[in-house]
Every structure is written in structure tokens, then in C-alpha cells.
Amino acid sequence: MKRTRWLNALIVLMVLLIGFFIGTGVATVLYAEETGGRAGEVKAQQEQAARQQATATANAIALAAGSDLTTNFVTRVYEEAGPAVVYITTRTQGFDFFLRPTMQEGTGSGFILDKEGHILTNYHVIQAADSVAVVLASGKEVPASVVGADISTDMALLKIDPEGEDLPVVKLGDSDRLRVGDWVIAIGNPYGFDRTVTFGVVSSNERTIRAADLRTISNVIQTDAAINPGNSGGPLLNVKGEVVGINSAILSQSGGSEGIGLAIPVNVAKEIVDDLVKYGRVLRPWLGIEVRELYPRFVKAYNLPVKEGLLVREVYKDSPAALAGILPPVEKGDSLILYFVSEADGTKVNTYADLLNIVREKDVNDTVELGVVRIEGGITKEETLTVHLQPLPETAPVTGVI
């Protein structure tokens, strides 16, 4: 009897436990379904909000660019300016390891300036090239000649024969009106992929870069529009489809785009195009000297009495500097005559670039006031010389001379 009661009690307990676990499982499933449903609703709402925000952003960009809402401004600019962008290929004879002649090929970009077939690109795209060819938007490849080049601005002007073809041309804008944050579009041929378009914003318009002759190019445009090898010489355009810069360089550790592209302002190019057409080069003034910067070790080694400025180490015959009386290091009896340039137009100069930039900013036939220090036989004399600037001769060295 007692045993039967215990058995009945055990059965009741098991039934209760089974009922508890079943109830808990059902509740868990119902809760999961409910919370899962709520999470799905939240996720759907978030996705809808993101789509609405993206649409609003795209519409705002289009409206800011003066486009309607059916065509974004990148498409419009690409369709307007893209046909005037060309793919440049160069061939240069080189030598392999065994000194056997080989042909080396290079690529770059450019854009057509006028119906006569003038094309603007970077100097470094065609530098030392034995032959240059241009592929038009139509796919037609034509030979190009180099009309002129300017190493100081990294600009070069090419010419193709239109052959009766109605060439598409770009519109040139005003790079001085660019503001940080403005939208810009880059079109070019990165890695040989012709007429590739990317876009971004003006990250800065106050960068400086050094040209191959060490001249400083100011107000260079920095952009996060993707620029890669092969983009050099291609246009950077504003939302109106006007060229505002010439894509020229990137700052990268990988060799590809990392969001820092640099473009030379189009206003720099506009200043020199006429000279390139007329003379094949830019008529720039020169002093006719080569200088050496005064590093502390150099000053100490030669026990120089001058610690700032530039040592004049070479003066070209009949140059403006020579006509002003400046001499290279020369012995006179037991004495050594040295000339140092300490100032130019009242500004101290301590580097080659300091003096070069002051001179290059002037025009031919202008004058520059040079503060010089003359040392002869231990006697130091300071004086100011007025130098009348003349055109840099075609025979002058490309670099190293001011």
C-alpha cells in the first residue's frame, strides 16, 4: 500500500516536470519568433532609411552640380569631356642587361585643346620618347609630334593631324576658383584601361610639388579621386565639365591610388601654352649662374666667413650675372675671390629653390636686386647688384642653372 503511494507520487512528479519543460520550450520558441520578427522589422527599417539617405545624397549632389535627377553629374561630364581625352603611348629605345637594343613602351593621358589637334599632357609622359602616338576616343591611332615642353611645370604640348576629322575639344576652367570640398572628376588611362573615370573632392588647393628642375609649383590641387599610373596628363574636371587641373602625381606607398592625387592647376598651363606654340619652349628669365648651398659641414671644412646664402660656383659667359660683375671662384695673385648671394629682392635665399623661384616668377627684361657678399684676400664686402634678366638660352642645361 505504502509502495503504491510512492509510485503514484513519483508518476505525478514526472508528469509535472515534463509539463514544465514542454511549457518552457514553447515559451522560448514563441519569444524567439517574436524577437526575431521585431529584429527583422528593425533591420528592414534601417535598410529603408539607408536607401532613402543614399537617394537624398545622390539627388543633392546632382542638384548641386546643376543636373536633373535622371542623370548624375559624373555621367554628364564624362559624356561631354570624355571624347576629348586621349590615350598616349610612347616608344623609347633602351638596352637590356647584355646591351642589346630594346624598345621600351610607356603610356599616359592627354586632352585635345583645339580643332587643330593640339594636345596637352605631362612632360614626364613623353620625356626622352623616340616616338609618340595618340589613340582617339574613336579607337583610331595617329602619330603625334612634340610641339614643345616645359620641365619647370611638367607640361608638354603635342600635335596631331586632324585629317579632316572634327576633333572634340575640352573647355578650360579657372583653377583659382576651386574650393576645398568641390566635386572633381578624373578621366584617364590608368594601367592602360582607356578613358577610365573616377570622382572625388578637392582635398586641398594649396599643395606644392617640385618639378624636375627643382622649381616649386604652387597651388597644386590635391584630390581623393582615384589617380593611378597612366592617369598622368589627363584632365581633372569640375562639375561643369571644365578642365581645372592636369593629373600629374600620386603619393603612395603601394604604387597605386591611396586617396592622395595631385594635379597641376590649369591656370599654370594656360600661362605657357602660347609660348609652347610659338617657340616650342617657355621663355623664362635666367641669371646665368650655378650655386652651392652652404651646409654647416661645408662651411666648417673651408673655414668660410659666410654661414648663410649661396656660393656662386659657376657663371656663364655673357649671362646677366656676368654682365652685372658676378664672378665664379677665381684666383687673383695669392687671393681667392668668392661671391655669395644672400638676398634677392630683399628676400633671404639659402637654397637653390629659393633663388630659382624668385627669378622664374619674373619676366624676361625684368630686373632683380641681388644682395651679394664678395670675399677677397680675407676682406668681406657686401653690396647690392641690379641684374637685368634675359631669356634662358636653349643651350643652357635643363637643371642646376638659375
Protein backbone atom coordinates (compact mmCIF):
# COMPACT_ATOMS: atom_id res chain seq x y z
CA MET A 1 0.00 0.00 0.00
CA LYS A 2 2.75 2.31 1.01
CA ARG A 3 4.73 1.33 -2.03
CA THR A 4 1.80 2.13 -4.33
CA ARG A 5 1.51 5.66 -2.87
CA TRP A 6 5.20 6.37 -3.52
CA LEU A 7 4.85 5.09 -7.06
CA ASN A 8 1.82 7.32 -7.69
CA ALA A 9 3.64 10.34 -6.24
CA LEU A 10 6.65 9.68 -8.49
CA ILE A 11 4.41 9.46 -11.59
CA VAL A 12 2.73 12.77 -10.72
CA LEU A 13 6.13 14.44 -10.23
CA MET A 14 7.38 13.19 -13.60
CA VAL A 15 4.24 14.46 -15.32
CA LEU A 16 4.72 17.89 -13.73
CA LEU A 17 8.38 18.03 -14.80
CA ILE A 18 7.51 17.02 -18.35
CA GLY A 19 4.82 19.67 -18.45
CA PHE A 20 7.26 22.31 -17.15
CA PHE A 21 9.90 21.57 -19.83
CA ILE A 22 7.32 21.49 -22.62
CA GLY A 23 5.92 24.82 -21.46
CA THR A 24 9.37 26.36 -21.27
CA GLY A 25 10.23 25.19 -24.81
CA VAL A 26 7.03 26.58 -26.25
CA ALA A 27 7.60 29.90 -24.49
CA THR A 28 11.17 30.04 -25.83
CA VAL A 29 10.04 29.38 -29.38
CA LEU A 30 7.33 31.99 -29.13
CA TYR A 31 9.78 34.53 -27.68
CA ALA A 32 12.34 33.80 -30.37
CA GLU A 33 9.73 34.19 -33.07
CA GLU A 34 8.55 37.44 -31.55
CA THR A 35 12.03 38.95 -31.07
CA GLY A 36 13.16 37.65 -34.46
CA GLY A 37 10.21 39.32 -36.03
CA ARG A 38 10.97 42.55 -34.25
CA ALA A 39 14.66 42.36 -35.28
CA GLY A 40 13.63 41.75 -38.87
CA GLU A 41 11.35 44.76 -38.75
CA VAL A 42 14.16 46.91 -37.29
CA LYS A 43 16.63 45.71 -39.94
CA ALA A 44 14.15 46.41 -42.72
CA GLN A 45 13.54 49.88 -41.35
CA GLN A 46 17.31 50.55 -41.17
CA GLU A 47 17.82 49.37 -44.75
CA GLN A 48 14.96 51.54 -45.97
CA ALA A 49 16.41 54.56 -44.13
CA ALA A 50 19.85 53.91 -45.67
CA ARG A 51 18.33 53.71 -49.16
CA GLN A 52 16.46 56.95 -48.58
CA GLN A 53 19.65 58.65 -47.32
CA ALA A 54 21.67 57.41 -50.31
CA THR A 55 18.98 58.64 -52.69
CA ALA A 56 18.85 62.01 -50.94
CA THR A 57 22.66 62.33 -51.12
CA ALA A 58 22.75 61.44 -54.81
CA ASN A 59 19.95 63.91 -55.53
CA ALA A 60 21.72 66.64 -53.55
CA ILE A 61 24.94 66.06 -55.49
CA ALA A 62 23.10 66.11 -58.79
CA LEU A 63 21.26 69.30 -57.94
CA ALA A 64 24.45 70.96 -56.68
CA ALA A 65 26.09 70.07 -59.97
CA GLY A 66 23.24 71.51 -61.97
CA SER A 67 21.98 68.13 -63.18
CA ASP A 68 18.48 66.74 -63.17
CA LEU A 69 17.66 63.67 -61.10
CA THR A 70 17.74 61.27 -64.05
CA THR A 71 21.45 61.70 -64.88
CA ASN A 72 24.23 62.13 -62.32
CA PHE A 73 26.85 64.78 -62.95
CA VAL A 74 29.72 62.30 -63.38
CA THR A 75 27.93 60.70 -66.32
CA ARG A 76 27.17 64.08 -67.85
CA VAL A 77 30.76 65.34 -67.51
CA TYR A 78 32.16 62.06 -68.84
CA GLU A 79 29.90 62.15 -71.88
CA GLU A 80 30.79 65.78 -72.59
CA ALA A 81 34.56 65.72 -71.95
CA GLY A 82 35.44 62.05 -72.34
CA PRO A 83 35.68 62.08 -76.16
CA ALA A 84 38.42 64.75 -75.96
CA VAL A 85 40.60 62.62 -73.67
CA VAL A 86 43.29 60.65 -75.49
CA TYR A 87 45.43 57.63 -74.71
CA ILE A 88 49.13 58.37 -75.26
CA THR A 89 51.71 55.68 -75.98
CA THR A 90 55.44 56.25 -76.26
CA ARG A 91 58.34 54.17 -77.51
CA THR A 92 61.91 54.72 -76.36
CA GLN A 93 64.97 52.77 -77.40
CA GLY A 94 66.84 51.27 -74.48
CA PHE A 95 69.23 48.43 -73.83
CA ASP A 96 68.86 45.18 -71.93
CA PHE A 97 71.34 43.64 -69.49
CA PHE A 98 73.52 42.44 -72.39
CA LEU A 99 73.44 45.90 -74.04
CA ARG A 100 71.19 44.68 -76.81
CA PRO A 101 68.82 47.39 -78.11
CA THR A 102 65.23 47.06 -76.93
CA MET A 103 62.12 49.20 -77.31
CA GLN A 104 60.53 50.37 -74.09
CA GLU A 105 56.90 51.43 -74.11
CA GLY A 106 55.15 53.94 -71.88
CA THR A 107 51.58 55.14 -71.52
CA GLY A 108 49.82 58.23 -70.33
CA SER A 109 46.87 60.50 -70.92
CA GLY A 110 46.18 63.85 -72.51
CA PHE A 111 43.34 66.01 -73.78
CA ILE A 112 42.62 67.87 -77.02
CA LEU A 113 42.78 71.66 -76.72
CA ASP A 114 41.64 72.80 -80.17
CA LYS A 115 40.39 71.69 -83.56
CA GLU A 116 43.94 71.99 -84.96
CA GLY A 117 44.96 68.94 -82.95
CA HIS A 118 46.98 70.40 -80.06
CA ILE A 119 47.06 68.06 -77.08
CA LEU A 120 48.21 68.90 -73.56
CA THR A 121 49.89 66.31 -71.35
CA ASN A 122 52.66 66.00 -68.77
CA TYR A 123 56.29 66.41 -69.76
CA HIS A 124 57.24 63.25 -67.90
CA VAL A 125 54.81 61.25 -70.06
CA ILE A 126 56.78 61.94 -73.25
CA GLN A 127 60.23 62.63 -71.78
CA ALA A 128 63.02 61.08 -73.86
CA ALA A 129 60.49 59.33 -76.13
CA ASP A 130 61.66 58.45 -79.64
CA SER A 131 58.09 58.28 -80.93
CA VAL A 132 54.67 59.26 -79.63
CA ALA A 133 51.26 58.00 -80.72
CA VAL A 134 47.76 59.00 -79.69
CA VAL A 135 44.65 56.83 -79.56
CA LEU A 136 41.48 58.87 -80.02
CA ALA A 137 38.11 58.11 -78.45
CA SER A 138 37.07 56.56 -81.77
CA GLY A 139 39.83 53.99 -81.36
CA LYS A 140 41.87 55.47 -84.19
CA GLU A 141 45.63 55.63 -83.53
CA VAL A 142 47.59 58.52 -85.03
CA PRO A 143 51.22 59.66 -84.72
CA ALA A 144 51.90 62.79 -82.68
CA SER A 145 54.76 65.27 -82.72
CA VAL A 146 56.09 67.16 -79.71
CA VAL A 147 55.49 70.89 -80.28
CA GLY A 148 57.14 71.98 -77.06
CA ALA A 149 57.78 71.10 -73.45
CA ASP A 150 58.45 72.85 -70.18
CA ILE A 151 60.24 70.93 -67.46
CA SER A 152 59.54 73.67 -64.90
CA THR A 153 55.79 72.99 -64.98
CA ASP A 154 55.91 69.37 -66.18
CA MET A 155 53.85 70.34 -69.22
CA ALA A 156 54.16 69.22 -72.85
CA LEU A 157 52.23 70.11 -75.97
CA LEU A 158 51.64 67.56 -78.73
CA LYS A 159 50.18 67.95 -82.22
CA ILE A 160 48.27 65.50 -84.37
CA ASP A 161 46.94 65.90 -87.89
CA PRO A 162 43.12 66.11 -87.72
CA GLU A 163 42.95 64.70 -91.27
CA GLY A 164 39.61 66.39 -91.82
CA GLU A 165 38.16 64.92 -88.62
CA ASP A 166 36.06 67.19 -86.38
CA LEU A 167 38.02 66.75 -83.18
CA PRO A 168 36.23 67.04 -79.85
CA VAL A 169 37.85 69.60 -77.52
CA VAL A 170 37.77 70.34 -73.80
CA LYS A 171 36.72 73.54 -72.09
CA LEU A 172 39.31 75.15 -69.84
CA GLY A 173 38.11 76.43 -66.47
CA ASP A 174 39.60 78.67 -63.79
CA SER A 175 41.55 76.73 -61.17
CA ASP A 176 41.76 79.81 -58.94
CA ARG A 177 38.04 79.46 -58.27
CA LEU A 178 38.32 75.93 -56.90
CA ARG A 179 37.38 75.49 -53.25
CA VAL A 180 38.17 72.68 -50.86
CA GLY A 181 35.26 70.26 -50.95
CA ASP A 182 34.33 70.93 -54.60
CA TRP A 183 33.50 67.83 -56.64
CA VAL A 184 36.04 66.88 -59.31
CA ILE A 185 36.22 64.16 -61.94
CA ALA A 186 39.36 62.50 -63.32
CA ILE A 187 39.43 60.87 -66.74
CA GLY A 188 42.45 58.97 -68.00
CA ASN A 189 44.04 55.66 -68.86
CA PRO A 190 45.28 54.04 -65.63
CA TYR A 191 47.28 50.88 -66.27
CA GLY A 192 46.21 51.09 -69.93
CA PHE A 193 42.46 50.94 -69.21
CA ASP A 194 41.46 53.72 -71.58
CA ARG A 195 39.03 56.51 -70.66
CA THR A 196 38.51 55.42 -67.06
CA VAL A 197 36.52 57.86 -64.92
CA THR A 198 36.76 58.41 -61.16
CA PHE A 199 35.50 61.21 -58.97
CA GLY A 200 36.07 62.75 -55.57
CA VAL A 201 36.55 66.13 -53.95
CA VAL A 202 39.22 68.78 -53.77
CA SER A 203 41.08 67.84 -50.58
CA SER A 204 43.35 70.90 -50.73
CA ASN A 205 44.34 73.53 -53.27
CA GLU A 206 47.48 74.77 -51.53
CA ARG A 207 49.95 71.92 -52.04
CA THR A 208 53.37 72.41 -53.60
CA ILE A 209 55.47 69.99 -55.62
CA ARG A 210 58.93 70.18 -57.14
CA ALA A 211 59.38 69.93 -60.87
CA ALA A 212 62.32 68.01 -62.32
CA ASP A 213 64.39 71.20 -62.37
CA LEU A 214 63.54 71.73 -58.65
CA ARG A 215 61.28 74.69 -59.39
CA THR A 216 58.36 74.83 -56.97
CA ILE A 217 54.88 74.55 -58.48
CA SER A 218 52.41 76.23 -56.14
CA ASN A 219 48.65 75.88 -55.56
CA VAL A 220 48.72 72.26 -56.67
CA ILE A 221 45.33 70.55 -56.33
CA GLN A 222 45.07 67.56 -54.00
CA THR A 223 42.14 65.21 -54.62
CA ASP A 224 40.89 61.87 -53.37
CA ALA A 225 39.62 60.96 -56.85
CA ALA A 226 41.47 57.74 -57.71
CA ILE A 227 44.57 58.50 -59.79
CA ASN A 228 46.93 55.72 -60.85
CA PRO A 229 49.92 55.24 -63.15
CA GLY A 230 48.69 56.06 -66.66
CA ASN A 231 46.44 58.90 -65.48
CA SER A 232 49.31 61.38 -65.85
CA GLY A 233 48.47 64.14 -68.29
CA GLY A 234 44.73 63.53 -68.12
CA PRO A 235 42.21 66.19 -67.13
CA LEU A 236 40.75 66.91 -63.71
CA LEU A 237 37.35 68.47 -64.34
CA ASN A 238 34.81 70.41 -62.30
CA VAL A 239 31.07 69.67 -62.29
CA LYS A 240 30.62 71.96 -65.30
CA GLY A 241 32.91 69.74 -67.35
CA GLU A 242 35.72 72.31 -67.42
CA VAL A 243 39.35 71.29 -67.03
CA VAL A 244 40.68 72.70 -63.75
CA GLY A 245 43.82 70.60 -63.41
CA ILE A 246 46.22 68.19 -65.11
CA ASN A 247 46.61 64.96 -63.15
CA SER A 248 50.32 64.57 -62.54
CA ALA A 249 51.30 62.58 -59.47
CA ILE A 250 50.20 60.46 -56.53
CA LEU A 251 51.55 59.99 -53.05
CA SER A 252 51.52 56.26 -52.45
CA GLN A 253 53.41 53.54 -50.65
CA SER A 254 51.88 50.80 -52.80
CA GLY A 255 52.33 52.47 -56.19
CA GLY A 256 48.58 52.74 -56.71
CA SER A 257 45.90 55.15 -55.58
CA GLU A 258 45.68 55.67 -51.83
CA GLY A 259 43.49 58.74 -51.90
CA ILE A 260 46.17 61.39 -52.44
CA GLY A 261 46.32 62.52 -56.05
CA LEU A 262 47.95 65.74 -57.24
CA ALA A 263 47.03 67.86 -60.23
CA ILE A 264 48.79 70.91 -61.66
CA PRO A 265 46.35 73.87 -61.85
CA VAL A 266 45.10 74.51 -65.36
CA ASN A 267 45.88 78.22 -64.93
CA VAL A 268 49.58 77.28 -64.87
CA ALA A 269 49.16 75.54 -68.21
CA LYS A 270 47.19 78.44 -69.72
CA GLU A 271 50.09 80.77 -68.98
CA ILE A 272 52.58 78.76 -71.03
CA VAL A 273 50.62 77.25 -73.94
CA ASP A 274 51.14 80.27 -76.21
CA ASP A 275 54.90 80.15 -75.68
CA LEU A 276 54.96 76.42 -76.41
CA VAL A 277 53.09 77.00 -79.68
CA LYS A 278 55.24 79.96 -80.76
CA TYR A 279 58.68 78.96 -79.52
CA GLY A 280 58.49 75.29 -78.60
CA ARG A 281 59.53 76.26 -75.09
CA VAL A 282 58.69 78.78 -72.42
CA LEU A 283 60.74 81.96 -72.47
CA ARG A 284 61.94 82.14 -68.89
CA PRO A 285 64.46 84.58 -67.43
CA TRP A 286 67.80 83.48 -66.07
CA LEU A 287 70.76 84.85 -64.12
CA GLY A 288 73.31 82.54 -65.68
CA ILE A 289 74.82 81.09 -62.51
CA GLU A 290 75.20 77.78 -60.72
CA VAL A 291 75.25 77.84 -56.94
CA ARG A 292 76.15 75.68 -53.97
CA GLU A 293 74.17 75.64 -50.75
CA LEU A 294 76.11 76.35 -47.58
CA TYR A 295 75.80 73.30 -45.37
CA PRO A 296 77.45 73.61 -41.93
CA ARG A 297 79.97 70.86 -42.71
CA PHE A 298 80.96 72.61 -45.96
CA VAL A 299 81.32 75.98 -44.21
CA LYS A 300 83.47 74.42 -41.48
CA ALA A 301 85.63 72.40 -43.88
CA TYR A 302 86.62 75.50 -45.89
CA ASN A 303 86.54 77.90 -42.94
CA LEU A 304 84.17 80.22 -44.78
CA PRO A 305 83.35 83.56 -43.15
CA VAL A 306 79.80 83.35 -44.55
CA LYS A 307 77.33 80.92 -43.00
CA GLU A 308 74.16 81.82 -44.93
CA GLY A 309 73.37 82.32 -48.59
CA LEU A 310 74.57 80.57 -51.73
CA LEU A 311 78.12 80.22 -53.05
CA VAL A 312 78.39 81.15 -56.74
CA ARG A 313 80.39 78.32 -58.25
CA GLU A 314 79.82 78.95 -61.97
CA VAL A 315 78.98 82.00 -64.08
CA TYR A 316 78.04 81.59 -67.74
CA LYS A 317 79.76 83.82 -70.28
CA ASP A 318 77.79 86.91 -71.31
CA SER A 319 74.98 85.96 -68.93
CA PRO A 320 73.06 88.62 -66.94
CA ALA A 321 75.08 87.73 -63.82
CA ALA A 322 78.38 88.05 -65.70
CA LEU A 323 77.36 91.43 -67.10
CA ALA A 324 76.50 92.58 -63.56
CA GLY A 325 80.03 91.75 -62.42
CA ILE A 326 79.49 88.49 -60.53
CA LEU A 327 82.41 86.06 -60.77
CA PRO A 328 82.88 82.36 -60.09
CA PRO A 329 85.67 81.36 -57.65
CA VAL A 330 88.83 82.82 -59.18
CA GLU A 331 92.39 83.25 -58.00
CA LYS A 332 93.89 86.73 -58.08
CA GLY A 333 97.52 86.63 -57.09
CA ASP A 334 97.64 84.92 -53.72
CA SER A 335 93.98 85.66 -53.06
CA LEU A 336 90.81 83.78 -53.87
CA ILE A 337 87.75 85.80 -54.89
CA LEU A 338 84.40 84.32 -53.84
CA TYR A 339 80.88 85.58 -54.43
CA PHE A 340 77.88 84.65 -52.30
CA VAL A 341 74.23 85.53 -52.98
CA SER A 342 72.45 86.32 -49.71
CA GLU A 343 69.25 88.05 -50.89
CA ALA A 344 67.04 88.51 -53.94
CA ASP A 345 64.68 91.48 -53.97
CA GLY A 346 65.06 91.79 -50.23
CA THR A 347 64.27 88.11 -49.51
CA LYS A 348 66.93 85.90 -47.96
CA VAL A 349 67.94 82.92 -50.08
CA ASN A 350 69.56 79.84 -48.59
CA THR A 351 68.63 77.15 -51.11
CA TYR A 352 68.80 76.71 -54.85
CA ALA A 353 64.99 76.61 -54.96
CA ASP A 354 64.71 79.87 -53.00
CA LEU A 355 66.61 81.82 -55.65
CA LEU A 356 65.22 79.90 -58.63
CA ASN A 357 61.61 80.58 -57.67
CA ILE A 358 62.20 84.33 -57.29
CA VAL A 359 63.88 84.55 -60.70
CA ARG A 360 61.36 82.33 -62.50
CA GLU A 361 58.44 84.41 -61.24
CA LYS A 362 59.79 87.39 -63.19
CA ASP A 363 59.51 88.13 -66.88
CA VAL A 364 62.26 88.48 -69.44
CA ASN A 365 63.79 92.01 -69.31
CA ASP A 366 62.76 92.49 -65.67
CA THR A 367 65.41 93.32 -63.09
CA VAL A 368 66.25 91.64 -59.81
CA GLU A 369 68.19 93.16 -56.93
CA LEU A 370 70.77 90.71 -55.62
CA GLY A 371 72.39 91.11 -52.25
CA VAL A 372 75.88 89.68 -52.64
CA VAL A 373 78.90 89.16 -50.43
CA ARG A 374 82.33 89.41 -52.08
CA ILE A 375 85.32 87.92 -50.27
CA GLU A 376 88.85 88.72 -51.48
CA GLY A 377 92.01 88.17 -49.52
CA GLY A 378 90.11 87.82 -46.26
CA ILE A 379 88.27 91.12 -46.83
CA THR A 380 84.46 90.87 -46.87
CA LYS A 381 82.37 93.35 -48.81
CA GLU A 382 78.58 93.44 -49.03
CA GLU A 383 76.87 95.09 -51.98
CA THR A 384 73.61 95.16 -53.96
CA LEU A 385 73.73 94.49 -57.69
CA THR A 386 70.94 95.18 -60.18
CA VAL A 387 70.74 92.33 -62.69
CA HIS A 388 68.81 92.70 -65.96
CA LEU A 389 67.23 89.34 -66.75
CA GLN A 390 67.49 87.81 -70.22
CA PRO A 391 65.85 84.72 -71.78
CA LEU A 392 67.22 81.36 -70.76
CA PRO A 393 69.19 80.11 -73.81
CA GLU A 394 68.10 76.88 -75.48
CA THR A 395 71.65 75.59 -75.00
CA ALA A 396 71.54 76.11 -71.22
CA PRO A 397 71.45 72.99 -69.00
CA VAL A 398 67.96 71.75 -68.11
CA THR A 399 68.73 71.59 -64.38
CA GLY A 400 71.22 73.12 -61.99
CA VAL A 401 71.30 76.58 -63.54
CA ILE A 402 69.45 79.70 -62.39
